[in-house]
PDB file of N, CA and C in Angstrom:
ATOM      1  N   MET A   1       0.787  -1.199  -0.075  1.00  0.00           N
ATOM      2  CA  MET A   1       0.009  -0.073   0.069  1.00  0.00           C
ATOM      3  C   MET A   1       0.957   1.358   0.012  1.00  0.00           C
ATOM      4  N   VAL A   2       0.249   2.376  -0.406  1.00  0.00           N
ATOM      5  CA  VAL A   2       1.089   3.678  -0.486  1.00  0.00           C
ATOM      6  C   VAL A   2       0.380   4.686   0.365  1.00  0.00           C
ATOM      7  N   ASP A   3       1.007   5.684   0.595  1.00  0.00           N
ATOM      8  CA  ASP A   3       0.538   6.820   1.439  1.00  0.00           C
ATOM      9  C   ASP A   3      -0.323   7.810   0.633  1.00  0.00           C
ATOM     10  N   ASP A   4      -0.117   7.899  -0.833  1.00  0.00           N
ATOM     11  CA  ASP A   4      -0.907   8.840  -1.439  1.00  0.00           C
ATOM     12  C   ASP A   4      -2.176   8.447  -1.886  1.00  0.00           C
ATOM     13  N   LYS A   5      -2.767   7.297  -1.402  1.00  0.00           N
ATOM     14  CA  LYS A   5      -4.084   6.792  -1.747  1.00  0.00           C
ATOM     15  C   LYS A   5      -4.712   6.432  -0.429  1.00  0.00           C
ATOM     16  N   SER A   6      -6.004   6.579  -0.401  1.00  0.00           N
ATOM     17  CA  SER A   6      -6.673   6.214   0.877  1.00  0.00           C
ATOM     18  C   SER A   6      -6.751   4.693   1.297  1.00  0.00           C
ATOM     19  N   ILE A   7      -6.595   4.414   2.407  1.00  0.00           N
ATOM     20  CA  ILE A   7      -6.553   3.081   2.799  1.00  0.00           C
ATOM     21  C   ILE A   7      -7.798   2.223   2.239  1.00  0.00           C
ATOM     22  N   THR A   8      -8.820   2.966   2.529  1.00  0.00           N
ATOM     23  CA  THR A   8     -10.178   2.318   1.969  1.00  0.00           C
ATOM     24  C   THR A   8     -10.158   1.911   0.486  1.00  0.00           C
ATOM     25  N   GLU A   9      -9.717   2.870  -0.245  1.00  0.00           N
ATOM     26  CA  GLU A   9      -9.543   2.527  -1.662  1.00  0.00           C
ATOM     27  C   GLU A   9      -8.672   1.355  -2.050  1.00  0.00           C
ATOM     28  N   GLN A  10      -7.462   1.270  -1.313  1.00  0.00           N
ATOM     29  CA  GLN A  10      -6.503   0.353  -1.454  1.00  0.00           C
ATOM     30  C   GLN A  10      -7.113  -1.083  -0.870  1.00  0.00           C
ATOM     31  N   VAL A  11      -7.747  -1.123   0.170  1.00  0.00           N
ATOM     32  CA  VAL A  11      -8.355  -2.252   0.628  1.00  0.00           C
ATOM     33  C   VAL A  11      -9.360  -2.764  -0.322  1.00  0.00           C
ATOM     34  N   GLN A  12     -10.212  -1.945  -0.876  1.00  0.00           N
ATOM     35  CA  GLN A  12     -11.153  -2.283  -2.044  1.00  0.00           C
ATOM     36  C   GLN A  12     -10.399  -2.933  -3.047  1.00  0.00           C
ATOM     37  N   GLU A  13      -9.399  -2.416  -3.467  1.00  0.00           N
ATOM     38  CA  GLU A  13      -8.665  -2.958  -4.541  1.00  0.00           C
ATOM     39  C   GLU A  13      -7.993  -4.531  -4.137  1.00  0.00           C
ATOM     40  N   PHE A  14      -7.691  -4.556  -3.038  1.00  0.00           N
ATOM     41  CA  PHE A  14      -7.167  -5.902  -2.407  1.00  0.00           C
ATOM     42  C   PHE A  14      -8.324  -6.895  -2.428  1.00  0.00           C
ATOM     43  N   GLN A  15      -9.430  -6.459  -1.947  1.00  0.00           N
ATOM     44  CA  GLN A  15     -10.528  -7.304  -2.021  1.00  0.00           C
ATOM     45  C   GLN A  15     -11.042  -7.712  -3.255  1.00  0.00           C
ATOM     46  N   HIS A  16     -10.961  -6.860  -4.269  1.00  0.00           N
ATOM     47  CA  HIS A  16     -11.224  -7.147  -5.745  1.00  0.00           C
ATOM     48  C   HIS A  16     -10.311  -8.343  -6.085  1.00  0.00           C
ATOM     49  N   ILE A  17      -9.131  -8.373  -5.810  1.00  0.00           N
ATOM     50  CA  ILE A  17      -8.206  -9.393  -6.212  1.00  0.00           C
ATOM     51  C   ILE A  17      -8.454 -10.643  -5.377  1.00  0.00           C
ATOM     52  N   ALA A  18      -8.898 -10.585  -4.097  1.00  0.00           N
ATOM     53  CA  ALA A  18      -9.252 -11.685  -3.385  1.00  0.00           C
ATOM     54  C   ALA A  18     -10.681 -12.350  -3.935  1.00  0.00           C
ATOM     55  N   ASN A  19     -11.465 -11.451  -4.339  1.00  0.00           N
ATOM     56  CA  ASN A  19     -12.618 -11.958  -5.110  1.00  0.00           C
ATOM     57  C   ASN A  19     -12.361 -12.754  -6.332  1.00  0.00           C
ATOM     58  N   LYS A  20     -11.442 -12.332  -7.145  1.00  0.00           N
ATOM     59  CA  LYS A  20     -10.872 -13.044  -8.261  1.00  0.00           C
ATOM     60  C   LYS A  20     -10.422 -14.301  -8.087  1.00  0.00           C
ATOM     61  N   ILE A  21      -9.664 -14.451  -6.831  1.00  0.00           N
ATOM     62  CA  ILE A  21      -9.105 -15.602  -6.358  1.00  0.00           C
ATOM     63  C   ILE A  21     -10.205 -16.726  -5.898  1.00  0.00           C
ATOM     64  N   ALA A  22     -11.168 -16.137  -5.295  1.00  0.00           N
ATOM     65  CA  ALA A  22     -12.346 -16.968  -4.737  1.00  0.00           C
ATOM     66  C   ALA A  22     -13.221 -17.575  -6.070  1.00  0.00           C
ATOM     67  N   ILE A  23     -13.209 -16.747  -6.978  1.00  0.00           N
ATOM     68  CA  ILE A  23     -13.966 -17.174  -8.180  1.00  0.00           C
ATOM     69  C   ILE A  23     -13.253 -18.270  -8.890  1.00  0.00           C
ATOM     70  N   SER A  24     -11.997 -18.291  -8.795  1.00  0.00           N
ATOM     71  CA  SER A  24     -11.091 -19.452  -9.370  1.00  0.00           C
ATOM     72  C   SER A  24     -11.172 -20.747  -8.451  1.00  0.00           C
ATOM     73  N   GLU A  25     -12.067 -20.552  -7.513  1.00  0.00           N
ATOM     74  CA  GLU A  25     -12.367 -21.743  -6.606  1.00  0.00           C
ATOM     75  C   GLU A  25     -10.998 -22.088  -5.602  1.00  0.00           C
ATOM     76  N   ILE A  26     -10.327 -20.957  -5.379  1.00  0.00           N
ATOM     77  CA  ILE A  26      -9.162 -21.278  -4.536  1.00  0.00           C
ATOM     78  C   ILE A  26      -9.745 -20.583  -3.093  1.00  0.00           C
ATOM     79  N   ASP A  27      -9.640 -21.440  -2.181  1.00  0.00           N
ATOM     80  CA  ASP A  27     -10.213 -20.981  -0.845  1.00  0.00           C
ATOM     81  C   ASP A  27      -9.264 -20.167  -0.014  1.00  0.00           C
ATOM     82  N   LEU A  28      -9.582 -18.939   0.251  1.00  0.00           N
ATOM     83  CA  LEU A  28      -8.868 -17.950   0.909  1.00  0.00           C
ATOM     84  C   LEU A  28      -9.208 -17.798   2.417  1.00  0.00           C
ATOM     85  N   ASP A  29      -8.436 -18.186   3.350  1.00  0.00           N
ATOM     86  CA  ASP A  29      -8.769 -18.150   4.707  1.00  0.00           C
ATOM     87  C   ASP A  29      -8.859 -16.773   5.078  1.00  0.00           C
ATOM     88  N   GLU A  30     -10.038 -16.420   6.000  1.00  0.00           N
ATOM     89  CA  GLU A  30     -10.319 -14.982   6.241  1.00  0.00           C
ATOM     90  C   GLU A  30      -9.070 -14.391   7.069  1.00  0.00           C
ATOM     91  N   ASN A  31      -8.524 -15.255   8.055  1.00  0.00           N
ATOM     92  CA  ASN A  31      -7.266 -14.710   8.867  1.00  0.00           C
ATOM     93  C   ASN A  31      -6.193 -14.480   7.837  1.00  0.00           C
ATOM     94  N   PHE A  32      -5.902 -15.240   6.738  1.00  0.00           N
ATOM     95  CA  PHE A  32      -4.854 -14.905   5.838  1.00  0.00           C
ATOM     96  C   PHE A  32      -5.302 -13.498   5.097  1.00  0.00           C
ATOM     97  N   HIS A  33      -6.492 -13.356   4.743  1.00  0.00           N
ATOM     98  CA  HIS A  33      -6.926 -12.297   4.076  1.00  0.00           C
ATOM     99  C   HIS A  33      -6.836 -10.879   4.918  1.00  0.00           C
ATOM    100  N   VAL A  34      -7.103 -11.047   6.098  1.00  0.00           N
ATOM    101  CA  VAL A  34      -6.884 -10.111   7.063  1.00  0.00           C
ATOM    102  C   VAL A  34      -5.456  -9.678   7.210  1.00  0.00           C
ATOM    103  N   GLY A  35      -4.743 -10.745   7.423  1.00  0.00           N
ATOM    104  CA  GLY A  35      -3.253 -10.665   7.577  1.00  0.00           C
ATOM    105  C   GLY A  35      -2.584  -9.997   6.464  1.00  0.00           C
ATOM    106  N   GLY A  36      -3.040 -10.335   5.298  1.00  0.00           N
ATOM    107  CA  GLY A  36      -2.456  -9.685   4.183  1.00  0.00           C
ATOM    108  C   GLY A  36      -2.694  -8.158   3.938  1.00  0.00           C
ATOM    109  N   ILE A  37      -3.909  -7.730   4.297  1.00  0.00           N
ATOM    110  CA  ILE A  37      -4.266  -6.393   4.450  1.00  0.00           C
ATOM    111  C   ILE A  37      -3.410  -5.484   5.340  1.00  0.00           C
ATOM    112  N   VAL A  38      -3.367  -6.151   6.554  1.00  0.00           N
ATOM    113  CA  VAL A  38      -2.566  -5.653   7.622  1.00  0.00           C
ATOM    114  C   VAL A  38      -0.998  -5.481   7.425  1.00  0.00           C
ATOM    115  N   SER A  39      -0.606  -6.549   6.706  1.00  0.00           N
ATOM    116  CA  SER A  39       0.869  -6.571   6.439  1.00  0.00           C
ATOM    117  C   SER A  39       1.259  -5.423   5.328  1.00  0.00           C
ATOM    118  N   LYS A  40       0.207  -5.214   4.537  1.00  0.00           N
ATOM    119  CA  LYS A  40       0.620  -4.193   3.350  1.00  0.00           C
ATOM    120  C   LYS A  40       0.259  -2.681   3.620  1.00  0.00           C
ATOM    121  N   HIS A  41       0.069  -2.447   4.978  1.00  0.00           N
ATOM    122  CA  HIS A  41      -0.117  -1.039   5.315  1.00  0.00           C
ATOM    123  C   HIS A  41       0.894  -0.165   4.882  1.00  0.00           C
ATOM    124  N   PRO A  42       0.740   1.060   4.367  1.00  0.00           N
ATOM    125  CA  PRO A  42       1.719   2.086   4.072  1.00  0.00           C
ATOM    126  C   PRO A  42       2.612   2.419   5.432  1.00  0.00           C
ATOM    127  N   PRO A  43       3.921   3.062   4.901  1.00  0.00           N
ATOM    128  CA  PRO A  43       4.806   3.354   6.070  1.00  0.00           C
ATOM    129  C   PRO A  43       4.300   4.262   7.142  1.00  0.00           C
ATOM    130  N   SER A  44       3.368   5.153   6.709  1.00  0.00           N
ATOM    131  CA  SER A  44       2.799   6.157   7.606  1.00  0.00           C
ATOM    132  C   SER A  44       1.909   5.409   8.606  1.00  0.00           C
ATOM    133  N   TRP A  45       1.537   4.374   8.389  1.00  0.00           N
ATOM    134  CA  TRP A  45       0.651   3.502   9.315  1.00  0.00           C
ATOM    135  C   TRP A  45       1.466   2.526  10.138  1.00  0.00           C
ATOM    136  N   LYS A  46       2.660   2.786  10.263  1.00  0.00           N
ATOM    137  CA  LYS A  46       3.504   1.727  10.940  1.00  0.00           C
ATOM    138  C   LYS A  46       3.112   1.421  12.355  1.00  0.00           C
ATOM    139  N   GLU A  47       2.869   2.535  13.047  1.00  0.00           N
ATOM    140  CA  GLU A  47       2.522   2.162  14.539  1.00  0.00           C
ATOM    141  C   GLU A  47       1.090   1.548  14.516  1.00  0.00           C
ATOM    142  N   TYR A  48       0.181   1.910  13.828  1.00  0.00           N
ATOM    143  CA  TYR A  48      -1.193   1.182  13.825  1.00  0.00           C
ATOM    144  C   TYR A  48      -0.934  -0.292  13.318  1.00  0.00           C
ATOM    145  N   LYS A  49      -0.273  -0.428  12.257  1.00  0.00           N
ATOM    146  CA  LYS A  49       0.060  -1.750  11.858  1.00  0.00           C
ATOM    147  C   LYS A  49       0.509  -2.747  13.024  1.00  0.00           C
ATOM    148  N   SER A  50       1.503  -2.156  13.671  1.00  0.00           N
ATOM    149  CA  SER A  50       2.032  -2.926  14.789  1.00  0.00           C
ATOM    150  C   SER A  50       0.934  -3.075  15.810  1.00  0.00           C
ATOM    151  N   LYS A  51       0.147  -2.222  16.100  1.00  0.00           N
ATOM    152  CA  LYS A  51      -0.873  -2.424  17.019  1.00  0.00           C
ATOM    153  C   LYS A  51      -1.804  -3.471  16.750  1.00  0.00           C
ATOM    154  N   LEU A  52      -2.101  -3.578  15.317  1.00  0.00           N
ATOM    155  CA  LEU A  52      -3.036  -4.661  14.909  1.00  0.00           C
ATOM    156  C   LEU A  52      -2.293  -6.069  14.912  1.00  0.00           C
ATOM    157  N   LEU A  53      -1.148  -6.023  14.636  1.00  0.00           N
ATOM    158  CA  LEU A  53      -0.359  -7.288  14.682  1.00  0.00           C
ATOM    159  C   LEU A  53      -0.168  -7.859  16.013  1.00  0.00           C
ATOM    160  N   HIS A  54      -0.161  -7.066  17.037  1.00  0.00           N
ATOM    161  CA  HIS A  54      -0.068  -7.423  18.518  1.00  0.00           C
ATOM    162  C   HIS A  54      -1.364  -7.661  19.205  1.00  0.00           C
ATOM    163  N   LYS A  55      -2.476  -7.659  18.557  1.00  0.00           N
ATOM    164  CA  LYS A  55      -3.903  -7.832  19.085  1.00  0.00           C
ATOM    165  C   LYS A  55      -3.919  -9.414  19.518  1.00  0.00           C
ATOM    166  N   LYS A  56      -4.458  -9.659  20.651  1.00  0.00           N
ATOM    167  CA  LYS A  56      -4.500 -11.044  21.094  1.00  0.00           C
ATOM    168  C   LYS A  56      -5.654 -11.885  20.317  1.00  0.00           C
ATOM    169  N   GLU A  57      -6.691 -11.173  20.024  1.00  0.00           N
ATOM    170  CA  GLU A  57      -7.899 -11.685  19.230  1.00  0.00           C
ATOM    171  C   GLU A  57      -7.795 -11.497  17.723  1.00  0.00           C
ATOM    172  N   ASP A  58      -8.290 -12.561  16.944  1.00  0.00           N
ATOM    173  CA  ASP A  58      -8.334 -12.345  15.567  1.00  0.00           C
ATOM    174  C   ASP A  58      -9.475 -11.368  15.143  1.00  0.00           C
ATOM    175  N   LEU A  59      -9.086 -10.543  14.175  1.00  0.00           N
ATOM    176  CA  LEU A  59     -10.157  -9.699  13.613  1.00  0.00           C
ATOM    177  C   LEU A  59     -10.878 -10.322  12.525  1.00  0.00           C
ATOM    178  N   THR A  60     -12.140 -10.121  12.325  1.00  0.00           N
ATOM    179  CA  THR A  60     -12.746 -10.718  11.031  1.00  0.00           C
ATOM    180  C   THR A  60     -12.442  -9.574   9.962  1.00  0.00           C
ATOM    181  N   LEU A  61     -12.712  -9.801   8.754  1.00  0.00           N
ATOM    182  CA  LEU A  61     -12.528  -9.048   7.784  1.00  0.00           C
ATOM    183  C   LEU A  61     -13.400  -7.682   7.896  1.00  0.00           C
ATOM    184  N   GLU A  62     -14.655  -7.816   8.410  1.00  0.00           N
ATOM    185  CA  GLU A  62     -15.557  -6.702   8.559  1.00  0.00           C
ATOM    186  C   GLU A  62     -15.004  -5.816   9.673  1.00  0.00           C
ATOM    187  N   GLN A  63     -14.475  -6.448  10.705  1.00  0.00           N
ATOM    188  CA  GLN A  63     -14.056  -5.680  11.929  1.00  0.00           C
ATOM    189  C   GLN A  63     -12.788  -4.837  11.599  1.00  0.00           C
ATOM    190  N   LEU A  64     -11.987  -5.508  10.659  1.00  0.00           N
ATOM    191  CA  LEU A  64     -10.708  -4.737  10.179  1.00  0.00           C
ATOM    192  C   LEU A  64     -11.153  -3.516   9.347  1.00  0.00           C
ATOM    193  N   LEU A  65     -12.084  -3.878   8.392  1.00  0.00           N
ATOM    194  CA  LEU A  65     -12.568  -2.705   7.732  1.00  0.00           C
ATOM    195  C   LEU A  65     -13.066  -1.654   8.465  1.00  0.00           C
ATOM    196  N   GLN A  66     -13.762  -1.888   9.539  1.00  0.00           N
ATOM    197  CA  GLN A  66     -14.304  -0.823  10.444  1.00  0.00           C
ATOM    198  C   GLN A  66     -13.269  -0.018  11.192  1.00  0.00           C
ATOM    199  N   HIS A  67     -12.348  -0.951  11.605  1.00  0.00           N
ATOM    200  CA  HIS A  67     -11.098  -0.294  12.333  1.00  0.00           C
ATOM    201  C   HIS A  67     -10.308   0.732  11.352  1.00  0.00           C
ATOM    202  N   LEU A  68     -10.084   0.226  10.117  1.00  0.00           N
ATOM    203  CA  LEU A  68      -9.315   1.064   9.135  1.00  0.00           C
ATOM    204  C   LEU A  68      -9.972   2.300   8.808  1.00  0.00           C
ATOM    205  N   GLN A  69     -11.332   2.157   8.630  1.00  0.00           N
ATOM    206  CA  GLN A  69     -12.071   3.452   8.337  1.00  0.00           C
ATOM    207  C   GLN A  69     -12.042   4.482   9.459  1.00  0.00           C
ATOM    208  N   ILE A  70     -12.172   3.940  10.636  1.00  0.00           N
ATOM    209  CA  ILE A  70     -11.930   4.916  11.687  1.00  0.00           C
ATOM    210  C   ILE A  70     -10.919   5.545  11.995  1.00  0.00           C
ATOM    211  N   GLU A  71      -9.788   4.686  11.826  1.00  0.00           N
ATOM    212  CA  GLU A  71      -8.409   5.184  11.848  1.00  0.00           C
ATOM    213  C   GLU A  71      -8.035   6.099  10.695  1.00  0.00           C
ATOM    214  N   GLN A  72      -8.344   5.815   9.496  1.00  0.00           N
ATOM    215  CA  GLN A  72      -8.225   6.781   8.523  1.00  0.00           C
ATOM    216  C   GLN A  72      -8.957   8.065   8.690  1.00  0.00           C
ATOM    217  N   GLU A  73     -10.070   8.215   9.273  1.00  0.00           N
ATOM    218  CA  GLU A  73     -10.697   9.387   9.648  1.00  0.00           C
ATOM    219  C   GLU A  73      -9.936  10.260  10.687  1.00  0.00           C
ATOM    220  N   ILE A  74      -9.479   9.497  11.619  1.00  0.00           N
ATOM    221  CA  ILE A  74      -8.650  10.097  12.643  1.00  0.00           C
ATOM    222  C   ILE A  74      -7.453  10.705  12.150  1.00  0.00           C
ATOM    223  N   GLN A  75      -6.814   9.877  11.254  1.00  0.00           N
ATOM    224  CA  GLN A  75      -5.457  10.445  10.749  1.00  0.00           C
ATOM    225  C   GLN A  75      -5.654  11.683   9.747  1.00  0.00           C
ATOM    226  N   TYR A  76      -6.916  11.642   8.911  1.00  0.00           N
ATOM    227  CA  TYR A  76      -7.129  12.803   8.132  1.00  0.00           C
ATOM    228  C   TYR A  76      -7.480  13.969   9.047  1.00  0.00           C
ATOM    229  N   ARG A  77      -8.224  13.716  10.018  1.00  0.00           N
ATOM    230  CA  ARG A  77      -8.614  14.883  11.016  1.00  0.00           C
ATOM    231  C   ARG A  77      -7.424  15.398  11.715  1.00  0.00           C
ATOM    232  N   ASP A  78      -6.516  14.476  12.200  1.00  0.00           N
ATOM    233  CA  ASP A  78      -5.303  15.122  12.787  1.00  0.00           C
ATOM    234  C   ASP A  78      -4.374  15.785  11.808  1.00  0.00           C
ATOM    235  N   ASN A  79      -4.064  15.298  10.538  1.00  0.00           N
ATOM    236  CA  ASN A  79      -3.279  15.884   9.589  1.00  0.00           C
ATOM    237  C   ASN A  79      -3.992  17.389   9.257  1.00  0.00           C
ATOM    238  N   ASN A  80      -5.271  17.453   9.198  1.00  0.00           N
ATOM    239  CA  ASN A  80      -5.917  18.681   8.808  1.00  0.00           C
ATOM    240  C   ASN A  80      -5.661  19.760   9.909  1.00  0.00           C
ATOM    241  N   ILE A  81      -5.779  19.169  11.134  1.00  0.00           N
ATOM    242  CA  ILE A  81      -5.692  20.107  12.269  1.00  0.00           C
ATOM    243  C   ILE A  81      -4.212  20.681  12.278  1.00  0.00           C
ATOM    244  N   LEU A  82      -3.148  19.729  11.963  1.00  0.00           N
ATOM    245  CA  LEU A  82      -1.767  20.063  12.027  1.00  0.00           C
ATOM    246  C   LEU A  82      -1.547  21.232  10.892  1.00  0.00           C
ATOM    247  N   LYS A  83      -2.292  21.170   9.860  1.00  0.00           N
ATOM    248  CA  LYS A  83      -1.989  21.923   8.620  1.00  0.00           C
ATOM    249  C   LYS A  83      -2.797  23.249   8.672  1.00  0.00           C
ATOM    250  N   GLU A  84      -3.602  23.436   9.588  1.00  0.00           N
ATOM    251  CA  GLU A  84      -4.376  24.781   9.663  1.00  0.00           C
ATOM    252  C   GLU A  84      -3.443  25.833  10.306  1.00  0.00           C
ATOM    253  N   PRO A  85      -3.585  26.945   9.796  1.00  0.00           N
ATOM    254  CA  PRO A  85      -2.741  28.114  10.295  1.00  0.00           C
ATOM    255  C   PRO A  85      -3.092  28.445  11.689  1.00  0.00           C
ATOM    256  N   PRO A  86      -2.340  28.932  12.514  1.00  0.00           N
ATOM    257  CA  PRO A  86      -2.513  29.264  13.870  1.00  0.00           C
ATOM    258  C   PRO A  86      -3.381  30.457  13.984  1.00  0.00           C
TER     259      PRO A  86
END
């Protein structure tokens, strides 16, 4: 993943690829799918990626997507606050 595209957009692209794999009748384990998304976070998400990797419980794909959307909104808000003139 890269920093200049939204995480949501990149995850959707990843899911599109996963759907193509599923259509080919190759079974993709949900934990593998979630792990693939987490492991490909862009460099600016390093701390958040580390936090997700150290969680004790497994996340479902739906839970991961909710977490990512919330975190993305927080990062956008924080970055916009930092960029506003004093």
